[in-house]
Protein backbone atom coordinates (compact mmCIF):
# COMPACT_ATOMS: atom_id res chain seq x y z
CA MET A 1 -2.55 40.11 33.88
CA ALA A 2 -6.16 39.38 34.51
CA SER A 3 -7.23 41.84 31.88
CA ALA A 4 -5.61 40.13 29.62
CA GLN A 5 -6.58 36.66 30.15
CA SER A 6 -10.36 37.83 30.69
CA THR A 7 -9.51 40.02 26.95
CA GLY A 8 -8.38 36.38 25.61
CA ALA A 9 -11.13 34.66 26.63
CA ALA A 10 -13.45 36.83 25.59
CA SER A 11 -11.70 36.93 21.99
CA PHE A 12 -11.82 33.31 22.30
CA LEU A 13 -15.57 33.28 22.61
CA LYS A 14 -15.93 35.06 19.55
CA LEU A 15 -14.87 33.23 17.26
CA PRO A 16 -17.33 31.35 14.93
CA THR A 17 -18.58 28.24 15.39
CA GLU A 18 -16.69 26.69 12.48
CA LEU A 19 -13.03 27.68 14.71
CA LEU A 20 -15.00 26.26 17.71
CA ASP A 21 -15.10 22.86 16.36
CA GLN A 22 -12.15 23.00 14.55
CA VAL A 23 -10.19 23.99 17.89
CA ALA A 24 -12.36 20.84 19.69
CA SER A 25 -11.44 18.46 17.14
CA LEU A 26 -7.41 18.92 18.34
CA LEU A 27 -8.10 19.37 21.78
CA PRO A 28 -7.44 15.35 23.59
CA ARG A 29 -10.46 13.92 25.55
CA SER A 30 -9.20 14.99 28.91
CA ALA A 31 -9.90 19.23 27.45
CA PHE A 32 -12.70 18.33 26.23
CA ARG A 33 -14.47 18.92 29.83
CA ALA A 34 -12.79 22.32 30.88
CA LEU A 35 -13.83 23.43 27.17
CA ALA A 36 -17.75 22.62 27.65
CA LEU A 37 -17.52 24.23 31.26
CA THR A 38 -16.23 27.88 29.16
CA SER A 39 -19.86 28.93 27.59
CA LYS A 40 -22.49 27.26 26.30
CA LYS A 41 -21.30 27.84 22.94
CA ALA A 42 -18.01 26.47 23.84
CA ASN A 43 -20.29 23.31 24.85
CA VAL A 44 -21.87 22.69 21.94
CA SER A 45 -18.57 22.60 19.73
CA ALA A 46 -17.44 19.91 22.54
CA ILE A 47 -20.43 17.67 22.51
CA ASP A 48 -20.66 17.66 19.29
CA THR A 49 -17.18 17.06 18.85
CA LEU A 50 -16.95 14.05 21.48
CA TYR A 51 -19.93 12.26 20.02
CA LYS A 52 -18.98 12.61 16.28
CA ILE A 53 -16.70 9.18 16.57
CA TYR A 54 -17.58 6.30 18.86
CA LEU A 55 -14.30 4.09 19.27
CA ASN A 56 -13.95 1.41 21.26
CA ARG A 57 -10.53 -0.89 20.44
CA THR A 58 -10.70 -1.90 24.32
CA ALA A 59 -10.98 -5.72 25.41
CA PRO A 60 -14.74 -5.96 27.23
CA ALA A 61 -13.64 -6.31 30.61
CA LYS A 62 -12.16 -2.50 30.39
CA ALA A 63 -14.28 -0.83 27.96
CA PRO A 64 -17.68 -3.10 27.60
CA PHE A 65 -20.16 -1.54 25.17
CA HIS A 66 -23.36 -0.72 27.49
CA LEU A 67 -21.43 2.59 29.29
CA PHE A 68 -22.22 3.92 25.76
CA LEU A 69 -25.20 2.20 24.86
CA ARG A 70 -26.66 3.21 27.97
CA THR A 71 -26.00 6.69 26.99
CA VAL A 72 -27.40 6.58 23.16
CA CYS A 73 -30.69 5.03 25.00
CA GLU A 74 -31.18 8.04 27.24
CA ARG A 75 -29.97 10.45 25.11
CA PRO A 76 -31.52 10.30 21.48
CA ASP A 77 -30.26 13.89 20.61
CA LEU A 78 -26.63 12.27 21.13
CA ALA A 79 -27.10 9.26 19.77
CA ALA A 80 -27.74 11.58 16.29
CA LYS A 81 -24.38 12.96 16.48
CA VAL A 82 -22.53 10.13 15.87
CA LYS A 83 -21.41 10.04 12.14
CA ARG A 84 -18.46 7.12 12.98
CA VAL A 85 -18.30 3.93 14.56
CA ASP A 86 -14.91 2.45 15.46
CA ILE A 87 -15.31 -0.09 17.49
CA ARG A 88 -13.04 -3.78 18.12
CA GLY A 89 -14.47 -7.02 17.54
CA TRP A 90 -17.56 -8.50 20.44
CA ARG A 91 -17.99 -11.66 22.32
CA SER A 92 -20.69 -13.95 21.36
CA GLU A 93 -23.05 -16.05 23.09
CA TYR A 94 -20.43 -19.27 23.38
CA GLU A 95 -17.97 -16.75 24.57
CA VAL A 96 -20.08 -15.13 27.71
CA ALA A 97 -21.89 -18.97 28.06
CA THR A 98 -17.91 -20.80 28.37
CA GLY A 99 -15.69 -17.91 29.00
CA ALA A 100 -14.14 -18.84 25.82
CA ALA A 101 -11.25 -16.40 25.16
CA TRP A 102 -12.06 -13.38 23.40
CA ARG A 103 -10.97 -12.68 20.06
CA GLY A 104 -10.75 -9.11 18.88
CA VAL A 105 -8.75 -6.69 17.52
CA THR A 106 -6.61 -7.93 14.65
CA GLU A 107 -5.14 -4.15 14.30
CA VAL A 108 -3.17 -2.69 16.72
CA ARG A 109 -3.62 1.23 16.64
CA ASP A 110 -1.42 4.03 18.79
CA VAL A 111 -3.84 4.87 21.38
CA ASP A 112 -2.26 8.70 21.91
CA GLN A 113 -2.97 9.04 18.00
CA THR A 114 -6.65 7.77 18.63
CA GLU A 115 -8.02 9.28 21.62
CA LYS A 116 -8.47 12.88 20.34
CA SER A 117 -11.09 11.49 17.85
CA GLY A 118 -13.81 10.99 20.26
CA PRO A 119 -15.14 9.10 23.30
CA SER A 120 -13.11 5.58 23.69
CA PHE A 121 -15.01 4.64 27.30
CA THR A 122 -12.15 2.74 28.44
CA SER A 123 -11.87 2.23 31.74
CA THR A 124 -10.97 5.23 33.31
CA GLU A 125 -14.69 6.12 32.70
CA LYS A 126 -16.56 6.62 36.22
CA SER A 127 -18.86 3.85 36.12
CA VAL A 128 -22.51 3.73 36.00
CA GLN A 129 -24.02 2.89 39.28
CA ASP A 130 -26.89 0.98 38.02
CA SER A 131 -28.31 -2.46 38.63
CA ALA A 132 -28.05 -5.23 35.75
CA THR A 133 -32.05 -5.56 35.73
CA ALA A 134 -32.53 -1.93 35.50
CA ARG A 135 -30.14 -1.59 32.55
CA PHE A 136 -31.90 -4.39 30.65
CA LYS A 137 -35.44 -3.09 31.21
CA LEU A 138 -33.74 0.38 29.04
CA PHE A 139 -32.39 -1.67 27.03
CA VAL A 140 -35.58 -3.72 26.15
CA GLY A 141 -37.50 0.02 26.04
CA ALA A 142 -35.17 0.99 23.29
CA ALA A 143 -35.14 -1.77 21.23
CA VAL A 144 -38.96 -1.93 21.33
CA LYS A 145 -39.34 1.65 20.24
CA ALA A 146 -36.65 1.40 17.49
CA GLY A 147 -38.87 -1.41 16.26
CA ILE A 148 -36.14 -3.88 16.02
CA VAL A 149 -38.25 -6.49 18.08
CA ALA A 150 -41.53 -6.29 19.50
CA GLU A 151 -42.94 -5.98 22.95
CA PRO A 152 -41.74 -8.69 25.31
CA THR A 153 -44.24 -10.19 27.08
CA SER A 154 -41.86 -10.48 30.17
CA LEU A 155 -37.98 -9.51 30.96
CA SER A 156 -37.88 -13.15 32.34
CA VAL A 157 -34.77 -14.61 29.90
CA SER A 158 -33.63 -17.88 29.19
CA ALA A 159 -29.93 -19.51 30.16
CA LEU A 160 -26.96 -18.67 27.48
CA LYS A 161 -26.54 -21.65 25.33
CA ALA A 162 -23.48 -23.07 25.38
CA SER A 163 -23.38 -25.10 22.24
CA ILE A 164 -21.94 -24.36 18.93
CA VAL A 165 -23.77 -24.97 15.63
CA TRP A 166 -21.46 -23.43 12.95
CA TYR A 167 -23.27 -21.37 10.02
CA THR A 168 -26.25 -20.34 11.51
CA SER A 169 -27.43 -17.33 12.70
CA LEU A 170 -29.77 -16.13 15.64
CA LYS A 171 -33.48 -14.35 14.30
CA GLU A 172 -35.93 -14.70 17.20
CA ASP A 173 -36.84 -11.92 19.24
CA GLY A 174 -36.17 -14.75 21.97
CA ASP A 175 -32.39 -14.85 20.99
CA PHE A 176 -32.33 -11.04 20.73
CA LEU A 177 -33.72 -11.23 24.34
CA ARG A 178 -31.83 -13.61 25.55
CA LEU A 179 -28.31 -12.24 24.78
CA LEU A 180 -28.92 -8.98 26.14
CA GLY A 181 -30.56 -9.60 29.27
CA ARG A 182 -27.35 -11.95 30.06
CA GLY A 183 -24.82 -8.81 28.94
CA VAL A 184 -23.90 -10.70 25.32
CA GLU A 185 -22.30 -7.67 23.38
CA ASP A 186 -23.67 -9.24 19.81
CA ALA A 187 -27.00 -7.91 20.98
CA GLN A 188 -25.34 -4.80 22.42
CA LEU A 189 -23.75 -3.90 19.19
CA VAL A 190 -27.40 -4.19 17.24
CA LEU A 191 -29.34 -2.22 19.54
CA MET A 192 -26.29 0.16 19.09
CA LEU A 193 -26.60 0.21 15.69
CA ALA A 194 -30.48 0.70 15.34
CA LEU A 195 -30.08 3.92 17.84
CA LEU A 196 -27.44 6.10 15.51
CA PRO A 197 -29.41 7.51 12.85
CA ASN A 198 -26.83 9.54 11.02
CA MET A 199 -23.99 6.96 11.12
CA GLU A 200 -21.94 7.41 8.13
CA VAL A 201 -19.08 5.34 8.90
CA LEU A 202 -18.92 1.93 10.49
CA ASN A 203 -15.26 0.02 10.93
CA ILE A 204 -15.25 -3.20 12.72
CA ASP A 205 -11.68 -5.45 13.80
CA GLY A 206 -12.62 -8.85 14.09
CA LEU A 207 -15.54 -10.45 14.31
CA SER A 208 -16.06 -13.56 16.70
CA PRO A 209 -15.89 -16.36 14.80
CA PHE A 210 -19.22 -17.91 16.56
CA PRO A 211 -22.87 -17.28 15.11
CA LEU A 212 -23.80 -14.14 15.58
CA LEU A 213 -27.30 -12.48 15.65
CA ASP A 214 -28.83 -11.71 11.95
CA TRP A 215 -28.26 -7.96 11.70
CA HIS A 216 -30.39 -7.63 8.07
CA HIS A 217 -33.43 -10.08 10.20
CA PHE A 218 -33.31 -6.92 13.32
CA LEU A 219 -32.05 -4.12 11.91
CA SER A 220 -34.16 -4.14 8.24
CA ARG A 221 -37.50 -3.62 11.03
CA SER A 222 -36.12 0.03 11.57
CA SER A 223 -36.31 3.12 8.76
CA THR A 224 -33.77 4.72 10.21
CA ALA A 225 -30.61 1.87 11.08
CA LEU A 226 -27.81 1.56 8.75
CA ARG A 227 -29.81 4.41 5.95
CA LYS A 228 -27.10 6.84 6.24
CA LEU A 229 -24.00 4.15 5.86
CA SER A 230 -21.74 5.46 3.68
CA VAL A 231 -18.61 3.30 4.88
CA LEU A 232 -18.23 -0.10 5.54
CA GLN A 233 -15.47 -2.19 6.81
CA ILE A 234 -15.66 -5.31 8.71
CA ILE A 235 -12.46 -7.52 8.98
CA GLY A 236 -13.64 -11.13 10.08
CA SER A 237 -12.63 -13.92 11.94
CA ASN A 238 -9.26 -15.71 12.70
CA THR A 239 -10.22 -19.42 12.87
CA ASN A 240 -7.85 -22.12 14.18
CA LEU A 241 -7.09 -25.19 12.30
CA LYS A 242 -10.00 -27.32 14.32
CA GLU A 243 -12.94 -24.27 13.60
CA PRO A 244 -14.57 -24.07 10.14
CA VAL A 245 -14.32 -20.81 8.43
CA VAL A 246 -17.62 -18.63 9.81
CA LYS A 247 -19.75 -18.10 7.04
CA ASN A 248 -21.14 -14.49 7.37
CA SER A 249 -24.39 -12.99 5.56
CA LEU A 250 -24.12 -9.83 4.01
CA GLN A 251 -28.25 -9.42 3.56
CA PHE A 252 -27.86 -6.11 5.61
CA LEU A 253 -26.41 -4.38 2.83
CA ASP A 254 -29.91 -4.83 1.18
CA ILE A 255 -30.74 -1.58 3.81
CA THR A 256 -27.78 1.19 3.12
CA PRO A 257 -29.03 2.98 0.21
CA ASP A 258 -26.11 5.70 0.92
CA LEU A 259 -23.17 3.44 1.02
CA LEU A 260 -20.43 4.39 -1.05
CA GLN A 261 -17.80 2.50 -0.10
CA ILE A 262 -16.86 -1.52 0.80
CA ARG A 263 -14.07 -3.07 2.34
CA LEU A 264 -14.66 -6.49 3.65
CA ILE A 265 -11.14 -8.62 5.04
CA ALA A 266 -11.43 -12.33 5.69
CA LEU A 267 -15.07 -12.76 5.40
CA ALA A 268 -16.69 -15.88 3.79
CA ALA A 269 -19.87 -14.34 2.37
CA GLY A 270 -22.43 -16.95 2.59
CA GLY A 271 -26.52 -17.50 3.42
CA HIS A 272 -27.19 -14.81 1.63
CA ASN A 273 -31.14 -14.56 -0.42
CA PHE A 274 -31.01 -12.23 -3.86
CA THR A 275 -34.60 -10.75 -3.34
CA LEU A 276 -32.86 -7.81 -4.69
CA ARG A 277 -30.87 -8.13 -7.64
CA ALA A 278 -28.70 -5.37 -7.33
CA LEU A 279 -27.57 -3.09 -4.26
CA PRO A 280 -29.91 -0.50 -3.27
CA SER A 281 -27.26 1.66 -3.61
CA SER A 282 -25.96 2.94 -7.38
CA LYS A 283 -23.40 5.47 -5.78
CA LEU A 284 -20.85 3.06 -5.07
CA TRP A 285 -16.76 4.08 -5.65
CA SER A 286 -15.05 1.77 -3.76
CA VAL A 287 -15.20 -2.14 -3.30
CA ALA A 288 -12.82 -4.22 -1.62
CA LEU A 289 -12.84 -7.99 -0.81
CA LEU A 290 -9.39 -8.98 0.33
CA GLY A 291 -9.10 -12.41 1.67
CA CYS A 292 -12.80 -13.24 0.97
CA GLY A 293 -14.78 -15.87 -0.27
CA VAL A 294 -17.50 -14.09 -2.34
CA ASN A 295 -19.63 -16.62 -4.82
CA LEU A 296 -20.13 -14.97 -8.20
CA ARG A 297 -23.76 -14.24 -7.96
CA LEU A 298 -23.38 -11.90 -5.16
CA LEU A 299 -20.17 -10.73 -6.35
CA ARG A 300 -22.43 -9.46 -9.84
CA LYS A 301 -24.77 -7.73 -7.26
CA ILE A 302 -22.49 -5.92 -5.73
CA MET A 303 -21.43 -4.75 -8.73
CA LEU A 304 -24.52 -4.35 -10.74
CA GLY A 305 -24.99 -0.73 -12.27
CA GLN A 306 -21.98 0.56 -10.01
CA THR A 307 -19.52 3.17 -11.94
CA LEU A 308 -16.54 2.50 -8.86
CA THR A 309 -13.36 4.09 -9.41
CA CYS A 310 -11.56 1.52 -7.50
CA ILE A 311 -12.12 -2.99 -7.62
CA ALA A 312 -9.54 -4.61 -5.27
CA TYR A 313 -10.83 -8.63 -5.24
CA ARG A 314 -8.36 -10.55 -3.97
CA PRO A 315 -9.69 -14.00 -2.24
CA GLY A 316 -8.74 -15.81 0.54
CA PRO A 317 -7.83 -19.91 0.19
CA THR A 318 -9.55 -20.64 3.06
CA GLN A 319 -12.77 -18.62 2.62
CA VAL A 320 -12.89 -19.76 -0.87
CA ASN A 321 -13.40 -23.67 -0.04
CA ALA A 322 -16.14 -22.70 2.28
CA ILE A 323 -18.13 -20.93 0.07
CA THR A 324 -19.74 -23.69 -2.18
CA GLY A 325 -19.34 -21.86 -6.30
CA SER A 326 -16.43 -19.16 -5.15
CA ASP A 327 -13.97 -20.09 -7.47
CA ILE A 328 -13.96 -17.36 -9.59
CA VAL A 329 -11.92 -17.29 -13.35
CA LEU A 330 -10.80 -14.06 -14.97
CA PRO A 331 -13.12 -14.14 -17.97
CA GLN A 332 -15.69 -14.11 -14.86
CA LEU A 333 -14.52 -10.91 -12.82
CA LEU A 334 -13.78 -9.12 -15.53
CA ALA A 335 -17.50 -9.61 -17.54
CA THR A 336 -19.09 -8.94 -13.55
CA PHE A 337 -17.03 -5.46 -13.72
CA THR A 338 -18.39 -4.36 -17.20
CA ASP A 339 -20.78 -1.62 -15.61
CA SER A 340 -17.35 0.49 -14.40
CA LYS A 341 -15.75 -0.02 -17.55
CA LEU A 342 -15.16 3.69 -18.33
CA SER A 343 -15.03 4.32 -14.63
CA LEU A 344 -12.54 2.10 -13.27
CA GLU A 345 -8.73 3.76 -12.17
CA ALA A 346 -7.15 1.33 -9.97
CA LEU A 347 -7.80 -2.41 -10.23
CA VAL A 348 -6.11 -5.13 -8.02
CA ILE A 349 -7.49 -8.84 -9.10
CA PHE A 350 -6.60 -12.02 -7.72
CA PRO A 351 -8.66 -14.75 -10.07
CA SER A 352 -9.62 -17.64 -7.12
CA ALA A 353 -9.35 -20.21 -10.24
CA PHE A 354 -7.52 -20.80 -13.22
CA LYS A 355 -8.93 -21.55 -16.50
CA PRO A 356 -7.18 -21.11 -20.06
CA GLU A 357 -9.67 -18.28 -21.18
CA ARG A 358 -7.93 -15.53 -21.98
CA GLY A 359 -9.53 -11.88 -21.19
CA SER A 360 -8.25 -8.36 -21.65
CA PHE A 361 -7.55 -4.99 -19.26
CA LYS A 362 -8.04 -2.79 -22.13
CA ILE A 363 -11.93 -2.78 -21.38
CA PHE A 364 -10.83 -0.80 -18.69
CA GLU A 365 -10.24 2.28 -20.72
CA ASN A 366 -9.45 4.79 -17.89
CA VAL A 367 -7.41 2.50 -15.05
CA GLU A 368 -4.35 4.25 -14.08
CA THR A 369 -3.24 1.24 -11.60
CA LEU A 370 -3.27 -2.30 -11.69
CA GLU A 371 -2.43 -5.02 -9.36
CA VAL A 372 -2.24 -8.40 -10.42
CA PRO A 373 -0.27 -12.30 -9.63
CA LEU A 374 1.67 -12.55 -12.48
CA VAL A 375 0.94 -15.94 -12.96
CA ASP A 376 -2.66 -16.32 -15.28
CA VAL A 377 -3.63 -12.90 -15.52
CA LEU A 378 -1.51 -11.96 -17.88
CA ASN A 379 -2.51 -14.19 -20.32
CA ILE A 380 1.07 -15.66 -20.57
CA PRO A 381 1.83 -19.52 -20.45
CA TYR A 382 3.97 -20.70 -17.50
CA ILE A 383 6.88 -21.67 -20.04
CA GLU A 384 7.24 -18.64 -22.43
CA GLU A 385 10.08 -17.12 -22.27
CA ASP A 386 10.01 -15.61 -26.05
CA PRO A 387 10.45 -11.94 -25.79
CA GLU A 388 8.46 -11.18 -28.71
CA VAL A 389 5.57 -13.55 -27.88
CA ILE A 390 5.51 -11.84 -24.46
CA TYR A 391 5.61 -8.29 -25.69
CA GLY A 392 2.78 -8.79 -28.21
CA LEU A 393 0.67 -10.58 -25.06
CA LEU A 394 1.32 -7.32 -22.78
CA LYS A 395 0.51 -5.12 -25.79
CA ASP A 396 -2.72 -6.74 -26.91
CA HIS A 397 -3.72 -7.02 -22.58
CA LEU A 398 -2.52 -3.97 -20.44
CA PRO A 399 -4.50 -0.71 -21.61
CA ALA A 400 -2.73 2.62 -22.61
CA THR A 401 -3.56 4.55 -19.76
CA LEU A 402 -1.59 2.69 -17.92
CA ARG A 403 0.44 4.53 -14.80
CA HIS A 404 1.67 1.76 -12.24
CA ILE A 405 1.67 -1.54 -12.69
CA ILE A 406 1.96 -3.99 -9.68
CA LEU A 407 3.01 -7.70 -10.20
CA ARG A 408 3.15 -10.07 -7.42
CA TYR A 409 4.29 -13.65 -6.78
CA MET A 410 7.14 -12.92 -9.45
CA SER A 411 9.74 -16.07 -9.62
CA SER A 412 13.48 -15.65 -10.14
CA GLY A 413 14.18 -16.73 -13.77
CA THR A 414 13.94 -16.15 -17.85
CA GLN A 415 10.82 -15.06 -18.25
CA ALA A 416 10.00 -12.69 -15.15
CA ASN A 417 13.49 -11.29 -17.06
CA VAL A 418 11.79 -10.61 -20.52
CA ILE A 419 8.09 -9.60 -18.66
CA ILE A 420 10.67 -6.55 -16.99
CA GLU A 421 12.75 -6.19 -20.42
CA GLN A 422 9.19 -5.60 -22.20
CA LEU A 423 7.35 -3.66 -20.08
CA ALA A 424 10.33 -0.82 -20.54
CA VAL A 425 10.11 -1.51 -23.85
CA LEU A 426 6.47 -1.28 -24.60
CA LYS A 427 6.80 2.81 -22.45
CA MET A 428 9.87 3.77 -24.67
CA GLN A 429 7.48 2.84 -28.31
CA ASN A 430 5.00 4.84 -26.68
CA ILE A 431 2.50 1.87 -26.70
CA LEU A 432 2.77 2.23 -22.65
CA PRO A 433 3.13 6.27 -22.74
CA HIS A 434 1.86 7.29 -19.44
CA LEU A 435 3.44 4.20 -17.43
CA ASP A 436 5.82 6.00 -14.77
CA LYS A 437 6.37 2.91 -11.79
CA ALA A 438 6.35 -0.34 -12.01
CA THR A 439 6.65 -2.89 -8.73
CA PHE A 440 7.42 -6.49 -8.95
CA ILE A 441 7.11 -8.18 -5.87
CA PHE A 442 9.07 -11.47 -5.70
CA CYS A 443 8.45 -14.59 -3.33
CA SER A 444 11.29 -15.76 -1.25
CA ASN A 445 10.09 -19.44 -0.26
CA ALA A 446 7.29 -20.56 -2.25
CA ALA A 447 4.00 -19.81 -4.30
CA PRO A 448 1.17 -19.34 -2.78
CA SER A 449 -1.26 -22.01 -2.09
CA PHE A 450 -3.87 -21.05 -5.12
CA VAL A 451 -1.71 -20.73 -7.41
CA SER A 452 0.94 -24.34 -7.32
CA ALA A 453 -2.31 -26.09 -7.00
CA ALA A 454 -3.39 -24.32 -10.65
CA THR A 455 0.62 -25.49 -11.88
CA VAL A 456 0.49 -28.72 -10.95
CA ALA A 457 -2.71 -29.53 -11.89
CA LEU A 458 -2.20 -28.25 -15.16
CA GLY A 459 1.05 -30.23 -15.63
CA GLY A 460 0.18 -32.14 -17.90
CA LEU A 461 -1.23 -29.28 -20.27
CA PHE A 462 2.00 -27.33 -20.59
CA GLY A 463 3.88 -30.61 -21.30
CA GLY A 464 4.62 -31.90 -17.29
CA LEU A 465 6.29 -29.47 -14.99
CA THR A 466 8.94 -30.39 -12.41
CA ALA A 467 8.70 -30.53 -8.87
CA ALA A 468 11.52 -27.55 -9.35
CA GLU A 469 9.29 -25.67 -11.79
CA THR A 470 6.21 -26.02 -9.76
CA ALA A 471 8.20 -24.12 -6.29
CA TRP A 472 10.18 -21.15 -6.24
CA GLY A 473 12.78 -21.65 -4.10
CA SER A 474 14.55 -19.37 -2.28
CA VAL A 475 15.16 -15.95 -3.99
CA SER A 476 18.53 -14.15 -2.51
CA ARG A 477 18.65 -10.56 -3.16
CA MET A 478 16.48 -9.85 -5.87
CA GLU A 479 15.95 -6.31 -5.09
CA VAL A 480 19.77 -5.98 -6.08
CA THR A 481 19.55 -8.30 -9.24
CA VAL A 482 16.95 -6.65 -10.61
CA GLN A 483 18.20 -3.31 -9.66
CA GLU A 484 21.58 -3.95 -11.36
CA ASP A 485 19.72 -5.53 -14.24
CA PHE A 486 17.11 -3.39 -15.22
CA GLY A 487 17.92 -0.03 -13.63
CA LYS A 488 19.41 1.90 -16.17
CA LEU A 489 17.01 0.72 -18.85
CA TYR A 490 14.07 1.96 -16.76
CA LYS A 491 15.70 5.24 -16.03
CA ASP A 492 15.91 5.60 -19.83
CA ALA A 493 12.35 4.71 -20.35
CA GLY A 494 11.13 7.25 -17.22
CA ILE A 495 9.80 4.77 -15.33
CA TYR A 496 10.80 4.46 -11.41
CA MET A 497 11.08 0.68 -10.67
CA VAL A 498 10.35 -0.62 -6.97
CA VAL A 499 11.36 -4.40 -6.04
CA GLU A 500 10.37 -6.32 -3.46
CA GLN A 501 10.79 -9.45 -1.87
CA THR A 502 8.40 -10.98 0.21
CA ASP A 503 7.53 -14.94 1.49
CA GLU A 504 3.81 -13.85 1.76
């Protein structure tokens, strides 16, 4: 038996490094120590896998950032191994100073599935026994070496500020040192980003709604911070009714030359200057701005010179209201995406304002997936119900390459039925020869705020809409009704039909 075990261990250690790396990637964190002790070769695979991803989605009291930060300050070799950072939000100066409740993770994940990904530094970690003073000295030394702050003349710092000045960001070295010295995770996060030269993926779930350190101001002083970043996802703040929507600057995008994907959720992008006309990366292939408020000039800067395959623009009404001049109508959006007209394959587009100007999706010659709200975007007037007119509008508006169309905010009524019918006719007449899936999403209760507001505002233009016509009322059993009315037609046309009903 012992001989067999020895033979098995010896065979395991003869595995190529690539296979050892694969084995390590499948192990839970609890097994990494055992693997590391097996041999020098296995130790390398264990350490590489352990530090490839920094995962921390636990409350600050249970999993503080400073445990991981201390490691990367002392071990630049380990910091260089980190390729992905997936973290919760963090506490701002105001939250620490006043003891305000932390507002972190917005997305609940299965810990058992994510724990294998890397060091999460939860409360199971053995606490590092050091003093706050020693830790602060270490962090300041690392920040100075990284170039994000100048050498301070003294390590004494002032007390935290318990007041809020909305729509501001902190840019002084003294601000950074004050927060770092008082254990505010805002400063720890900025320092962490400065010390990870090879980070490629950054996922932040739930920003603090209170003023934070200005990333661009500090990280632009480093020659490596964010320079390898290729995938960025940030979920913004969830403010209450008594708080304004927070404006976050996206100026740090100016120091991301390798960026490939941007996904921003629930952010109001404000405070941007336009020293650079376009982003330094011209390699973007996916941009998603969901529940965001972005002014037209910034949107143009993000899109300029890009050949994107995926674009999703779906603004949030509260975020739009927080950004002056952020209402963007369909023709402006389509013009902004012009550089991607030949490369675009998937488009989600929801204008934040209505204007009776037509635009056509036919400029995108290779779009296969299109998701839009039914009203406004398809150029179909609210009161239009004539099948021939609707047929002509759809024919003139939709690209022949379309494979999947998703129509949101549909209401029960004649117009919706005619649109559903004419899409099948277009397929059967070979106008949309590739269309093989159609998804229709009906609202159960009321129209989204920006739609109903536009409808009311333009009521006079369409002859005056009644209250019944500006609300969608309760829609029952739409899934069954639509399938019964159009299921056979869509089957004959070779289109898979999906009908959903939502309160959104």
